[in-house]
C-alpha atoms as a PDB file:
ATOM      1  CA  UNK A   1      63.756 -31.957 -12.824  1.00  0.00           C
ATOM      2  CA  UNK A   2      63.391 -35.482 -11.520  1.00  0.00           C
ATOM      3  CA  UNK A   3      63.544 -36.411  -7.858  1.00  0.00           C
ATOM      4  CA  UNK A   4      66.824 -38.338  -8.281  1.00  0.00           C
ATOM      5  CA  UNK A   5      68.434 -35.300  -9.896  1.00  0.00           C
ATOM      6  CA  UNK A   6      67.191 -33.076  -7.050  1.00  0.00           C
ATOM      7  CA  UNK A   7      68.620 -35.496  -4.510  1.00  0.00           C
ATOM      8  CA  UNK A   8      72.023 -35.504  -6.201  1.00  0.00           C
ATOM      9  CA  UNK A   9      71.993 -31.709  -6.422  1.00  0.00           C
ATOM     10  CA  UNK A  10      71.081 -31.266  -2.731  1.00  0.00           C
ATOM     11  CA  UNK A  11      73.736 -33.737  -1.574  1.00  0.00           C
ATOM     12  CA  UNK A  12      76.407 -31.974  -3.723  1.00  0.00           C
ATOM     13  CA  UNK A  13      76.009 -28.754  -1.791  1.00  0.00           C
ATOM     14  CA  UNK A  14      78.749 -28.116   0.836  1.00  0.00           C
ATOM     15  CA  UNK A  15      78.113 -29.923   4.100  1.00  0.00           C
ATOM     16  CA  UNK A  16      74.757 -31.350   3.021  1.00  0.00           C
ATOM     17  CA  UNK A  17      73.266 -34.548   4.343  1.00  0.00           C
ATOM     18  CA  UNK A  18      70.039 -36.447   3.892  1.00  0.00           C
ATOM     19  CA  UNK A  19      67.803 -38.002   6.571  1.00  0.00           C
ATOM     20  CA  UNK A  20      64.371 -39.626   6.520  1.00  0.00           C
ATOM     21  CA  UNK A  21      61.984 -38.079   9.021  1.00  0.00           C
ATOM     22  CA  UNK A  22      58.255 -37.909   9.689  1.00  0.00           C
ATOM     23  CA  UNK A  23      57.634 -41.242   8.088  1.00  0.00           C
ATOM     24  CA  UNK A  24      59.048 -41.206   4.614  1.00  0.00           C
ATOM     25  CA  UNK A  25      60.027 -37.551   4.012  1.00  0.00           C
ATOM     26  CA  UNK A  26      63.533 -36.892   2.724  1.00  0.00           C
ATOM     27  CA  UNK A  27      65.076 -34.005   4.660  1.00  0.00           C
ATOM     28  CA  UNK A  28      68.177 -32.271   3.421  1.00  0.00           C
ATOM     29  CA  UNK A  29      70.247 -30.526   6.098  1.00  0.00           C
ATOM     30  CA  UNK A  30      73.390 -28.563   6.599  1.00  0.00           C
ATOM     31  CA  UNK A  31      74.869 -28.238  10.047  1.00  0.00           C
ATOM     32  CA  UNK A  32      71.845 -30.104  11.430  1.00  0.00           C
ATOM     33  CA  UNK A  33      69.392 -27.518  10.023  1.00  0.00           C
ATOM     34  CA  UNK A  34      66.948 -28.187   7.200  1.00  0.00           C
ATOM     35  CA  UNK A  35      67.250 -26.454   3.815  1.00  0.00           C
ATOM     36  CA  UNK A  36      64.953 -28.664   1.754  1.00  0.00           C
ATOM     37  CA  UNK A  37      62.196 -31.188   2.501  1.00  0.00           C
ATOM     38  CA  UNK A  38      60.786 -33.653  -0.044  1.00  0.00           C
ATOM     39  CA  UNK A  39      57.435 -34.857   1.280  1.00  0.00           C
ATOM     40  CA  UNK A  40      57.052 -38.436   0.145  1.00  0.00           C
ATOM     41  CA  UNK A  41      54.153 -40.833  -0.206  1.00  0.00           C
ATOM     42  CA  UNK A  42      55.993 -44.102  -0.817  1.00  0.00           C
ATOM     43  CA  UNK A  43      58.072 -43.381  -3.919  1.00  0.00           C
ATOM     44  CA  UNK A  44      55.831 -40.484  -5.001  1.00  0.00           C
ATOM     45  CA  UNK A  45      56.711 -36.884  -4.245  1.00  0.00           C
ATOM     46  CA  UNK A  46      53.995 -34.938  -2.406  1.00  0.00           C
ATOM     47  CA  UNK A  47      55.916 -31.657  -2.611  1.00  0.00           C
ATOM     48  CA  UNK A  48      59.174 -29.850  -2.069  1.00  0.00           C
ATOM     49  CA  UNK A  49      59.576 -27.218   0.640  1.00  0.00           C
ATOM     50  CA  UNK A  50      62.479 -24.776   0.688  1.00  0.00           C
ATOM     51  CA  UNK A  51      63.534 -21.714   2.683  1.00  0.00           C
ATOM     52  CA  UNK A  52      63.313 -18.485   0.696  1.00  0.00           C
ATOM     53  CA  UNK A  53      63.728 -14.759   1.237  1.00  0.00           C
ATOM     54  CA  UNK A  54      60.646 -12.641   1.967  1.00  0.00           C
ATOM     55  CA  UNK A  55      60.746 -11.145  -1.534  1.00  0.00           C
ATOM     56  CA  UNK A  56      61.052 -14.592  -3.151  1.00  0.00           C
ATOM     57  CA  UNK A  57      58.131 -15.872  -1.084  1.00  0.00           C
ATOM     58  CA  UNK A  58      55.938 -13.067  -2.360  1.00  0.00           C
ATOM     59  CA  UNK A  59      56.940 -13.765  -5.938  1.00  0.00           C
ATOM     60  CA  UNK A  60      56.771 -17.575  -5.754  1.00  0.00           C
ATOM     61  CA  UNK A  61      53.416 -17.836  -3.991  1.00  0.00           C
ATOM     62  CA  UNK A  62      51.795 -15.920  -6.820  1.00  0.00           C
ATOM     63  CA  UNK A  63      52.618 -18.843  -9.106  1.00  0.00           C
ATOM     64  CA  UNK A  64      50.290 -21.836  -9.483  1.00  0.00           C
ATOM     65  CA  UNK A  65      51.132 -24.815  -7.277  1.00  0.00           C
ATOM     66  CA  UNK A  66      53.410 -22.826  -4.903  1.00  0.00           C
ATOM     67  CA  UNK A  67      52.089 -21.977  -1.442  1.00  0.00           C
ATOM     68  CA  UNK A  68      53.449 -20.971   1.961  1.00  0.00           C
ATOM     69  CA  UNK A  69      54.820 -24.213   3.470  1.00  0.00           C
ATOM     70  CA  UNK A  70      52.584 -25.718   6.193  1.00  0.00           C
ATOM     71  CA  UNK A  71      54.155 -25.354   9.663  1.00  0.00           C
ATOM     72  CA  UNK A  72      57.175 -23.473   8.199  1.00  0.00           C
ATOM     73  CA  UNK A  73      55.668 -20.442   6.418  1.00  0.00           C
ATOM     74  CA  UNK A  74      56.427 -18.025   9.262  1.00  0.00           C
ATOM     75  CA  UNK A  75      60.074 -19.073   9.006  1.00  0.00           C
ATOM     76  CA  UNK A  76      60.156 -18.139   5.281  1.00  0.00           C
ATOM     77  CA  UNK A  77      59.454 -21.459   3.600  1.00  0.00           C
ATOM     78  CA  UNK A  78      57.379 -22.219   0.527  1.00  0.00           C
ATOM     79  CA  UNK A  79      56.077 -25.524  -0.843  1.00  0.00           C
ATOM     80  CA  UNK A  80      55.980 -26.577  -4.494  1.00  0.00           C
ATOM     81  CA  UNK A  81      53.390 -29.276  -5.202  1.00  0.00           C
ATOM     82  CA  UNK A  82      55.471 -30.564  -8.161  1.00  0.00           C
ATOM     83  CA  UNK A  83      59.111 -30.125  -9.194  1.00  0.00           C
ATOM     84  CA  UNK A  84      58.145 -28.844 -12.620  1.00  0.00           C
ATOM     85  CA  UNK A  85      56.517 -25.687 -11.206  1.00  0.00           C
ATOM     86  CA  UNK A  86      59.830 -23.981 -11.934  1.00  0.00           C
ATOM     87  CA  UNK A  87      62.337 -24.608 -14.738  1.00  0.00           C
ATOM     88  CA  UNK A  88      65.224 -26.870 -13.540  1.00  0.00           C
ATOM     89  CA  UNK A  89      67.774 -24.000 -13.455  1.00  0.00           C
ATOM     90  CA  UNK A  90      65.521 -21.781 -11.383  1.00  0.00           C
ATOM     91  CA  UNK A  91      64.688 -24.666  -9.017  1.00  0.00           C
ATOM     92  CA  UNK A  92      68.411 -25.387  -8.554  1.00  0.00           C
ATOM     93  CA  UNK A  93      68.926 -21.634  -7.859  1.00  0.00           C
ATOM     94  CA  UNK A  94      66.245 -21.576  -5.209  1.00  0.00           C
ATOM     95  CA  UNK A  95      67.534 -24.719  -3.536  1.00  0.00           C
ATOM     96  CA  UNK A  96      71.092 -23.358  -3.633  1.00  0.00           C
ATOM     97  CA  UNK A  97      69.819 -20.070  -2.028  1.00  0.00           C
ATOM     98  CA  UNK A  98      67.857 -22.052   0.589  1.00  0.00           C
ATOM     99  CA  UNK A  99      71.099 -23.827   1.504  1.00  0.00           C
ATOM    100  CA  UNK A 100      72.944 -20.459   1.656  1.00  0.00           C
ATOM    101  CA  UNK A 101      70.264 -18.923   3.905  1.00  0.00           C
ATOM    102  CA  UNK A 102      70.514 -21.786   6.342  1.00  0.00           C
ATOM    103  CA  UNK A 103      74.360 -21.751   6.269  1.00  0.00           C
ATOM    104  CA  UNK A 104      74.329 -17.958   6.977  1.00  0.00           C
ATOM    105  CA  UNK A 105      72.507 -18.699  10.249  1.00  0.00           C
ATOM    106  CA  UNK A 106      75.102 -21.271  11.442  1.00  0.00           C
ATOM    107  CA  UNK A 107      77.977 -20.341  13.768  1.00  0.00           C
ATOM    108  CA  UNK A 108      81.109 -19.338  11.870  1.00  0.00           C
ATOM    109  CA  UNK A 109      83.162 -22.245  13.287  1.00  0.00           C
ATOM    110  CA  UNK A 110      80.575 -24.720  12.006  1.00  0.00           C
ATOM    111  CA  UNK A 111      80.409 -23.050   8.602  1.00  0.00           C
ATOM    112  CA  UNK A 112      84.171 -23.407   8.259  1.00  0.00           C
ATOM    113  CA  UNK A 113      84.147 -27.013   9.430  1.00  0.00           C
ATOM    114  CA  UNK A 114      81.470 -27.856   6.855  1.00  0.00           C
ATOM    115  CA  UNK A 115      83.353 -26.146   4.050  1.00  0.00           C
ATOM    116  CA  UNK A 116      80.433 -23.876   3.616  1.00  0.00           C
ATOM    117  CA  UNK A 117      81.859 -20.622   4.970  1.00  0.00           C
END
């Protein structure tokens, strides 16, 4: 999957928005909470961090190029050093699940307002 396709996918999720933080990093949020972070070095991707379940974290971090996300690991995040570490359909599934995990933690009224209830 290419970065542009990932961006389109993230922004197509209900209530999703994109901001640039910490220099050049692209941060995808729902309800003001992060669900995906593309670490950028200019136009080059340094890695993708997403929120995952505990079981998924155990499975994914056994794969090459996937590690607990710096600063976010205790909150259940992993970092992929390249987008091709997972097949595109699996990557989309994990990003979709990251979005759903974050949405589940939002107040019901906000979930409804975002169309993500």
